[in-house]
N, C-alpha and C. Protein backbone atom coordinates (compact mmCIF):
# COMPACT_ATOMS: atom_id res chain seq x y z
N MET A 1 0.82 -1.19 0.00
CA MET A 1 0.00 0.00 0.00
C MET A 1 0.87 1.26 0.00
N ARG A 2 1.96 1.18 0.75
CA ARG A 2 2.85 2.33 0.82
C ARG A 2 3.48 2.62 -0.53
N GLY A 3 3.82 1.56 -1.26
CA GLY A 3 4.42 1.70 -2.57
C GLY A 3 3.46 2.36 -3.56
N LEU A 4 2.17 2.07 -3.44
CA LEU A 4 1.19 2.67 -4.33
C LEU A 4 1.04 4.17 -4.08
N LYS A 5 1.11 4.58 -2.82
CA LYS A 5 1.02 6.01 -2.49
C LYS A 5 2.23 6.76 -3.03
N ALA A 6 3.40 6.16 -2.91
CA ALA A 6 4.62 6.79 -3.44
C ALA A 6 4.54 6.90 -4.96
N LEU A 7 4.04 5.85 -5.61
CA LEU A 7 3.89 5.87 -7.06
C LEU A 7 2.88 6.93 -7.48
N LEU A 8 1.77 7.03 -6.76
CA LEU A 8 0.76 8.03 -7.06
C LEU A 8 1.32 9.44 -6.88
N ALA A 9 2.08 9.69 -5.84
CA ALA A 9 2.70 11.00 -5.61
C ALA A 9 3.68 11.33 -6.72
N THR A 10 4.45 10.34 -7.17
CA THR A 10 5.41 10.55 -8.26
C THR A 10 4.70 10.88 -9.56
N VAL A 11 3.63 10.18 -9.86
CA VAL A 11 2.86 10.43 -11.08
C VAL A 11 2.25 11.83 -11.05
N ILE A 12 1.70 12.23 -9.91
CA ILE A 12 1.11 13.57 -9.79
C ILE A 12 2.18 14.64 -9.94
N ALA A 13 3.34 14.45 -9.32
CA ALA A 13 4.43 15.43 -9.43
C ALA A 13 4.90 15.55 -10.87
N MET A 14 5.04 14.42 -11.56
CA MET A 14 5.47 14.46 -12.95
C MET A 14 4.42 15.14 -13.83
N ALA A 15 3.16 14.91 -13.58
CA ALA A 15 2.10 15.56 -14.35
C ALA A 15 2.15 17.08 -14.15
N LEU A 16 2.38 17.51 -12.91
CA LEU A 16 2.49 18.94 -12.63
C LEU A 16 3.70 19.54 -13.35
N LEU A 17 4.84 18.85 -13.37
CA LEU A 17 6.02 19.34 -14.07
C LEU A 17 5.78 19.43 -15.58
N ILE A 18 5.11 18.44 -16.14
CA ILE A 18 4.79 18.47 -17.57
C ILE A 18 3.86 19.64 -17.88
N ALA A 19 2.85 19.86 -17.04
CA ALA A 19 1.92 20.97 -17.25
C ALA A 19 2.64 22.31 -17.14
N ALA A 20 3.54 22.46 -16.16
CA ALA A 20 4.28 23.71 -16.00
C ALA A 20 5.20 23.94 -17.20
N GLY A 21 5.88 22.91 -17.65
CA GLY A 21 6.76 23.04 -18.82
C GLY A 21 5.99 23.42 -20.07
N THR A 22 4.84 22.82 -20.26
CA THR A 22 4.00 23.15 -21.42
C THR A 22 3.52 24.59 -21.34
N ALA A 23 3.14 25.04 -20.15
CA ALA A 23 2.68 26.42 -19.98
C ALA A 23 3.81 27.40 -20.28
N ILE A 24 5.01 27.11 -19.84
CA ILE A 24 6.16 27.97 -20.11
C ILE A 24 6.46 28.01 -21.61
N LEU A 25 6.41 26.86 -22.26
CA LEU A 25 6.65 26.79 -23.70
C LEU A 25 5.62 27.60 -24.48
N VAL A 26 4.35 27.45 -24.14
CA VAL A 26 3.29 28.19 -24.83
C VAL A 26 3.45 29.69 -24.59
N ALA A 27 3.77 30.09 -23.36
CA ALA A 27 3.95 31.52 -23.05
C ALA A 27 5.13 32.10 -23.83
N THR A 28 6.21 31.35 -23.96
CA THR A 28 7.38 31.81 -24.71
C THR A 28 7.05 31.99 -26.18
N VAL A 29 6.34 31.03 -26.77
CA VAL A 29 5.96 31.13 -28.18
C VAL A 29 5.05 32.34 -28.39
N ILE A 30 4.07 32.54 -27.54
CA ILE A 30 3.16 33.68 -27.67
C ILE A 30 3.92 34.99 -27.52
N LYS A 31 4.83 35.08 -26.57
CA LYS A 31 5.61 36.30 -26.36
C LYS A 31 6.44 36.62 -27.60
N ARG A 32 7.07 35.61 -28.21
CA ARG A 32 7.89 35.86 -29.40
C ARG A 32 7.05 36.21 -30.61
N LEU A 33 5.82 35.71 -30.68
CA LEU A 33 4.93 36.07 -31.78
C LEU A 33 4.45 37.51 -31.64
N VAL A 34 4.14 37.93 -30.41
CA VAL A 34 3.64 39.27 -30.17
C VAL A 34 4.75 40.31 -30.26
N HIS A 35 5.94 40.00 -29.74
CA HIS A 35 7.09 40.92 -29.73
C HIS A 35 8.26 40.29 -30.48
N PRO A 36 8.24 40.34 -31.82
CA PRO A 36 9.35 39.73 -32.56
C PRO A 36 10.65 40.50 -32.34
N ALA A 37 11.77 39.81 -32.50
CA ALA A 37 13.08 40.43 -32.34
C ALA A 37 13.31 41.43 -33.46
N ALA A 38 14.08 42.47 -33.15
CA ALA A 38 14.40 43.48 -34.16
C ALA A 38 15.28 42.84 -35.23
N PRO A 39 15.06 43.19 -36.48
CA PRO A 39 15.89 42.60 -37.54
C PRO A 39 17.33 43.06 -37.44
N ILE A 40 18.23 42.16 -37.79
CA ILE A 40 19.65 42.47 -37.76
C ILE A 40 20.00 43.19 -39.06
N ALA A 41 20.74 44.28 -38.94
CA ALA A 41 21.11 45.05 -40.13
C ALA A 41 22.03 44.22 -41.00
N SER A 42 21.74 44.19 -42.29
CA SER A 42 22.60 43.44 -43.20
C SER A 42 23.81 44.28 -43.57
N SER A 43 24.83 43.63 -44.06
CA SER A 43 26.05 44.36 -44.42
C SER A 43 25.80 45.30 -45.58
N ALA A 44 24.76 45.04 -46.40
CA ALA A 44 24.46 45.91 -47.54
C ALA A 44 23.96 47.27 -47.07
N SER A 45 23.31 47.34 -45.91
CA SER A 45 22.76 48.60 -45.45
C SER A 45 23.73 49.37 -44.55
N MET A 46 24.84 48.76 -44.19
CA MET A 46 25.81 49.43 -43.33
C MET A 46 26.71 50.32 -44.18
N PRO A 47 27.04 51.50 -43.69
CA PRO A 47 27.90 52.39 -44.47
C PRO A 47 29.32 51.86 -44.55
N ALA A 48 29.95 52.08 -45.69
CA ALA A 48 31.34 51.67 -45.86
C ALA A 48 32.24 52.73 -45.22
N ILE A 49 33.25 52.27 -44.49
CA ILE A 49 34.19 53.20 -43.88
C ILE A 49 35.60 52.81 -44.30
N THR A 50 36.47 53.76 -44.31
CA THR A 50 37.87 53.52 -44.63
C THR A 50 38.66 53.62 -43.34
N VAL A 51 39.46 52.59 -43.08
CA VAL A 51 40.25 52.54 -41.85
C VAL A 51 41.73 52.59 -42.22
N PRO A 52 42.46 53.59 -41.77
CA PRO A 52 43.88 53.68 -42.09
C PRO A 52 44.72 52.76 -41.20
N LEU A 53 45.06 51.58 -41.69
CA LEU A 53 45.84 50.64 -40.89
C LEU A 53 47.34 50.76 -41.12
N ASP A 54 47.77 51.57 -42.09
CA ASP A 54 49.19 51.77 -42.41
C ASP A 54 49.89 50.44 -42.64
N GLN A 55 49.33 49.61 -43.51
CA GLN A 55 49.90 48.32 -43.85
C GLN A 55 50.34 48.34 -45.31
N PRO A 56 51.32 47.50 -45.69
CA PRO A 56 51.79 47.50 -47.08
C PRO A 56 50.71 47.00 -48.04
N ALA A 57 50.88 47.38 -49.32
CA ALA A 57 49.94 46.95 -50.36
C ALA A 57 49.91 45.43 -50.42
N GLY A 58 48.76 44.87 -50.67
CA GLY A 58 48.60 43.42 -50.74
C GLY A 58 48.19 42.79 -49.42
N THR A 59 48.06 43.59 -48.38
CA THR A 59 47.64 43.07 -47.07
C THR A 59 46.15 42.75 -47.11
N ARG A 60 45.79 41.60 -46.56
CA ARG A 60 44.40 41.16 -46.49
C ARG A 60 44.00 40.96 -45.03
N ILE A 61 42.76 41.29 -44.72
CA ILE A 61 42.20 40.98 -43.40
C ILE A 61 41.65 39.57 -43.48
N THR A 62 42.23 38.65 -42.72
CA THR A 62 41.79 37.25 -42.78
C THR A 62 40.92 36.86 -41.59
N GLY A 63 40.83 37.70 -40.60
CA GLY A 63 39.98 37.40 -39.45
C GLY A 63 39.71 38.64 -38.63
N VAL A 64 38.52 38.70 -38.03
CA VAL A 64 38.13 39.82 -37.19
C VAL A 64 37.46 39.27 -35.94
N VAL A 65 37.89 39.76 -34.77
CA VAL A 65 37.28 39.36 -33.50
C VAL A 65 37.00 40.61 -32.70
N ARG A 66 35.75 40.77 -32.24
CA ARG A 66 35.42 41.92 -31.39
C ARG A 66 35.99 41.66 -30.00
N GLN A 67 36.83 42.57 -29.53
CA GLN A 67 37.46 42.44 -28.22
C GLN A 67 36.57 43.02 -27.12
N SER A 68 35.92 44.12 -27.40
CA SER A 68 35.04 44.77 -26.43
C SER A 68 34.05 45.60 -27.24
N ASP A 69 33.32 46.48 -26.56
CA ASP A 69 32.38 47.33 -27.28
C ASP A 69 33.09 48.31 -28.20
N SER A 70 34.36 48.55 -27.97
CA SER A 70 35.03 49.60 -28.74
C SER A 70 36.28 49.16 -29.48
N SER A 71 36.65 47.89 -29.44
CA SER A 71 37.87 47.50 -30.13
C SER A 71 37.70 46.19 -30.90
N LEU A 72 38.48 46.09 -31.99
CA LEU A 72 38.48 44.91 -32.84
C LEU A 72 39.90 44.39 -32.95
N ALA A 73 40.06 43.07 -32.93
CA ALA A 73 41.35 42.45 -33.22
C ALA A 73 41.28 41.97 -34.66
N LEU A 74 42.21 42.43 -35.50
CA LEU A 74 42.24 42.09 -36.91
C LEU A 74 43.44 41.21 -37.19
N LEU A 75 43.23 40.07 -37.83
CA LEU A 75 44.32 39.20 -38.26
C LEU A 75 44.63 39.58 -39.71
N LEU A 76 45.86 40.03 -39.94
CA LEU A 76 46.28 40.49 -41.26
C LEU A 76 47.31 39.54 -41.83
N SER A 77 47.29 39.36 -43.15
CA SER A 77 48.29 38.53 -43.80
C SER A 77 48.63 39.15 -45.15
N GLY A 78 49.76 38.74 -45.71
CA GLY A 78 50.19 39.24 -47.00
C GLY A 78 50.94 40.54 -46.90
N GLY A 79 51.17 41.16 -48.05
CA GLY A 79 51.89 42.43 -48.06
C GLY A 79 53.38 42.28 -47.87
N GLY A 80 53.92 41.05 -48.06
CA GLY A 80 55.35 40.84 -47.90
C GLY A 80 55.82 40.79 -46.46
N ARG A 81 54.90 40.69 -45.53
CA ARG A 81 55.26 40.62 -44.10
C ARG A 81 54.65 39.37 -43.49
N PRO A 82 55.16 38.92 -42.35
CA PRO A 82 54.52 37.77 -41.69
C PRO A 82 53.11 38.13 -41.22
N ASP A 83 52.32 37.10 -40.96
CA ASP A 83 50.98 37.36 -40.43
C ASP A 83 51.10 38.18 -39.16
N ARG A 84 50.12 39.01 -38.93
CA ARG A 84 50.17 39.91 -37.77
C ARG A 84 48.76 40.19 -37.25
N ILE A 85 48.71 40.64 -36.01
CA ILE A 85 47.45 41.02 -35.38
C ILE A 85 47.55 42.48 -34.99
N VAL A 86 46.51 43.25 -35.31
CA VAL A 86 46.44 44.63 -34.84
C VAL A 86 45.13 44.79 -34.08
N VAL A 87 45.16 45.58 -33.03
CA VAL A 87 43.96 45.87 -32.25
C VAL A 87 43.56 47.30 -32.59
N TRP A 88 42.35 47.44 -33.14
CA TRP A 88 41.84 48.72 -33.61
C TRP A 88 40.84 49.27 -32.60
N ASP A 89 41.07 50.51 -32.13
CA ASP A 89 40.16 51.19 -31.22
C ASP A 89 39.21 52.04 -32.07
N GLU A 90 37.95 51.65 -32.15
CA GLU A 90 37.00 52.32 -33.03
C GLU A 90 36.74 53.78 -32.66
N PRO A 91 36.42 54.10 -31.39
CA PRO A 91 36.13 55.50 -31.08
C PRO A 91 37.33 56.43 -31.34
N ALA A 92 38.53 55.96 -31.02
CA ALA A 92 39.71 56.79 -31.22
C ALA A 92 40.17 56.78 -32.67
N GLY A 93 39.77 55.75 -33.42
CA GLY A 93 40.16 55.65 -34.82
C GLY A 93 41.65 55.40 -35.01
N ARG A 94 42.21 54.56 -34.14
CA ARG A 94 43.65 54.30 -34.24
C ARG A 94 43.97 52.88 -33.78
N ILE A 95 45.17 52.44 -34.16
CA ILE A 95 45.67 51.13 -33.72
C ILE A 95 46.26 51.29 -32.32
N VAL A 96 45.86 50.41 -31.41
CA VAL A 96 46.38 50.51 -30.04
C VAL A 96 47.38 49.41 -29.70
N ALA A 97 47.45 48.36 -30.54
CA ALA A 97 48.43 47.28 -30.29
C ALA A 97 48.71 46.56 -31.60
N ARG A 98 49.95 46.06 -31.73
CA ARG A 98 50.37 45.27 -32.89
C ARG A 98 51.15 44.07 -32.40
N ALA A 99 51.04 42.98 -33.14
CA ALA A 99 51.83 41.78 -32.82
C ALA A 99 52.11 41.03 -34.13
N ASP A 100 53.39 40.78 -34.41
CA ASP A 100 53.77 39.98 -35.59
C ASP A 100 53.79 38.51 -35.18
N LEU A 101 53.29 37.66 -36.04
CA LEU A 101 53.24 36.22 -35.77
C LEU A 101 54.34 35.56 -36.57
N GLU A 102 55.38 35.09 -35.91
CA GLU A 102 56.50 34.41 -36.58
C GLU A 102 56.11 32.98 -36.85
N ARG A 103 56.63 32.42 -37.95
CA ARG A 103 56.33 31.02 -38.27
C ARG A 103 57.49 30.14 -37.91
């Protein structure tokens, strides 16, 4: 008899968890339908800017990583020099760090 009560309590608890999970799922779907996320700006609509990196001709940007809200780490290659990393400070409009990558 004791085992049946434990089984009944377990079944009721699981039913309550399933009902709560379903309610959360439905609420999330409704919220996203009513308040859709803002569209992400495509690269076609972003203005083109020129950044003076003072690198030799033939240099290519092979990788970009955002370091913080105001700086980018750029992986540069080519231009007759070894691969290198420069850290660009956007608000100041200047390079704040450089590192050459030896092979």
